């Protein structure tokens, strides 16, 4: 089974992307994890480690897919 981690910071763009992501995800094939970096600040380092540069972003089996630029991770760190 594949894994997919959806990173976001809670902004309207991120929340909308999260809903689209969850609605289209086939949970029989992909195990999802939602990480709200505004609330789970300890996960920012994990996001950076796998290559996330901005949010919202999805990491599927280790490959980062950036979605509609919402905020850089540098901005999220400041927030």
C-alpha atoms as a PDB file:
ATOM      1  CA  UNK A   1       0.000   0.000   0.000  1.00  0.00           C
ATOM      2  CA  UNK A   2       1.219   3.478  -0.856  1.00  0.00           C
ATOM      3  CA  UNK A   3       1.455   6.283   1.675  1.00  0.00           C
ATOM      4  CA  UNK A   4       0.467   9.889   1.076  1.00  0.00           C
ATOM      5  CA  UNK A   5       1.204  12.712   3.487  1.00  0.00           C
ATOM      6  CA  UNK A   6      -0.669  15.944   2.868  1.00  0.00           C
ATOM      7  CA  UNK A   7       1.110  18.931   4.429  1.00  0.00           C
ATOM      8  CA  UNK A   8      -0.695  22.224   4.904  1.00  0.00           C
ATOM      9  CA  UNK A   9      -0.783  25.276   7.161  1.00  0.00           C
ATOM     10  CA  UNK A  10      -4.509  25.841   7.532  1.00  0.00           C
ATOM     11  CA  UNK A  11      -4.950  28.651   5.016  1.00  0.00           C
ATOM     12  CA  UNK A  12      -8.074  28.599   2.783  1.00  0.00           C
ATOM     13  CA  UNK A  13      -6.080  27.307  -0.222  1.00  0.00           C
ATOM     14  CA  UNK A  14      -4.670  24.491   1.910  1.00  0.00           C
ATOM     15  CA  UNK A  15      -8.004  23.497   3.435  1.00  0.00           C
ATOM     16  CA  UNK A  16      -9.667  23.374   0.025  1.00  0.00           C
ATOM     17  CA  UNK A  17      -6.811  21.279  -1.390  1.00  0.00           C
ATOM     18  CA  UNK A  18      -7.077  18.921   1.596  1.00  0.00           C
ATOM     19  CA  UNK A  19     -10.772  18.343   0.904  1.00  0.00           C
ATOM     20  CA  UNK A  20     -10.132  17.659  -2.787  1.00  0.00           C
ATOM     21  CA  UNK A  21      -7.296  15.307  -1.868  1.00  0.00           C
ATOM     22  CA  UNK A  22      -9.428  13.336   0.588  1.00  0.00           C
ATOM     23  CA  UNK A  23     -12.427  13.190  -1.753  1.00  0.00           C
ATOM     24  CA  UNK A  24     -10.448  11.685  -4.626  1.00  0.00           C
ATOM     25  CA  UNK A  25      -8.178   9.409  -2.655  1.00  0.00           C
ATOM     26  CA  UNK A  26      -8.741   5.672  -2.963  1.00  0.00           C
ATOM     27  CA  UNK A  27      -8.074   4.556   0.605  1.00  0.00           C
ATOM     28  CA  UNK A  28      -7.859   0.945  -0.592  1.00  0.00           C
ATOM     29  CA  UNK A  29      -4.636   1.890  -2.396  1.00  0.00           C
ATOM     30  CA  UNK A  30      -3.232   4.788  -0.382  1.00  0.00           C
ATOM     31  CA  UNK A  31      -2.880   5.316   3.342  1.00  0.00           C
ATOM     32  CA  UNK A  32      -3.341   9.060   3.963  1.00  0.00           C
ATOM     33  CA  UNK A  33      -1.912  11.264   6.682  1.00  0.00           C
ATOM     34  CA  UNK A  34      -2.891  14.911   7.081  1.00  0.00           C
ATOM     35  CA  UNK A  35      -0.309  17.175   8.714  1.00  0.00           C
ATOM     36  CA  UNK A  36      -1.396  20.694   9.684  1.00  0.00           C
ATOM     37  CA  UNK A  37       1.971  22.401  10.159  1.00  0.00           C
ATOM     38  CA  UNK A  38       0.386  25.344  11.955  1.00  0.00           C
ATOM     39  CA  UNK A  39      -0.793  22.966  14.670  1.00  0.00           C
ATOM     40  CA  UNK A  40       1.934  20.320  14.395  1.00  0.00           C
ATOM     41  CA  UNK A  41       5.007  22.551  14.263  1.00  0.00           C
ATOM     42  CA  UNK A  42       7.277  19.659  15.227  1.00  0.00           C
ATOM     43  CA  UNK A  43       6.549  18.133  11.798  1.00  0.00           C
ATOM     44  CA  UNK A  44       8.072  21.072   9.876  1.00  0.00           C
ATOM     45  CA  UNK A  45      11.500  19.417  10.016  1.00  0.00           C
ATOM     46  CA  UNK A  46       9.995  16.187   8.608  1.00  0.00           C
ATOM     47  CA  UNK A  47       8.427  18.139   5.749  1.00  0.00           C
ATOM     48  CA  UNK A  48      11.741  19.829   4.953  1.00  0.00           C
ATOM     49  CA  UNK A  49      13.593  16.523   5.124  1.00  0.00           C
ATOM     50  CA  UNK A  50      11.427  14.976   2.390  1.00  0.00           C
ATOM     51  CA  UNK A  51      11.708  18.060   0.170  1.00  0.00           C
ATOM     52  CA  UNK A  52       8.564  20.088   0.835  1.00  0.00           C
ATOM     53  CA  UNK A  53       9.268  23.721  -0.079  1.00  0.00           C
ATOM     54  CA  UNK A  54       5.749  25.162   0.195  1.00  0.00           C
ATOM     55  CA  UNK A  55       2.294  24.156   1.279  1.00  0.00           C
ATOM     56  CA  UNK A  56      -0.054  22.695   0.377  1.00  0.00           C
ATOM     57  CA  UNK A  57       1.973  19.704  -0.744  1.00  0.00           C
ATOM     58  CA  UNK A  58       1.448  15.969  -1.004  1.00  0.00           C
ATOM     59  CA  UNK A  59       4.235  13.438  -0.573  1.00  0.00           C
ATOM     60  CA  UNK A  60       3.322  10.120  -2.189  1.00  0.00           C
ATOM     61  CA  UNK A  61       5.757   7.283  -1.622  1.00  0.00           C
ATOM     62  CA  UNK A  62       8.544   9.801  -1.021  1.00  0.00           C
ATOM     63  CA  UNK A  63       7.848  12.010  -4.065  1.00  0.00           C
ATOM     64  CA  UNK A  64       6.779  15.612  -3.366  1.00  0.00           C
ATOM     65  CA  UNK A  65       3.965  17.224  -5.338  1.00  0.00           C
ATOM     66  CA  UNK A  66       3.508  20.926  -4.635  1.00  0.00           C
ATOM     67  CA  UNK A  67      -0.022  22.244  -5.114  1.00  0.00           C
ATOM     68  CA  UNK A  68      -1.050  25.820  -5.851  1.00  0.00           C
ATOM     69  CA  UNK A  69       1.502  27.826  -3.875  1.00  0.00           C
ATOM     70  CA  UNK A  70      -0.043  28.815  -0.545  1.00  0.00           C
ATOM     71  CA  UNK A  71       2.949  29.559   1.715  1.00  0.00           C
ATOM     72  CA  UNK A  72       6.638  28.755   1.802  1.00  0.00           C
ATOM     73  CA  UNK A  73       7.922  26.609   4.648  1.00  0.00           C
ATOM     74  CA  UNK A  74       9.986  29.616   5.713  1.00  0.00           C
ATOM     75  CA  UNK A  75       6.732  31.569   6.179  1.00  0.00           C
ATOM     76  CA  UNK A  76       5.192  28.655   8.071  1.00  0.00           C
ATOM     77  CA  UNK A  77       8.188  28.591  10.429  1.00  0.00           C
ATOM     78  CA  UNK A  78       7.659  32.257  11.245  1.00  0.00           C
ATOM     79  CA  UNK A  79       3.936  31.838  11.838  1.00  0.00           C
END
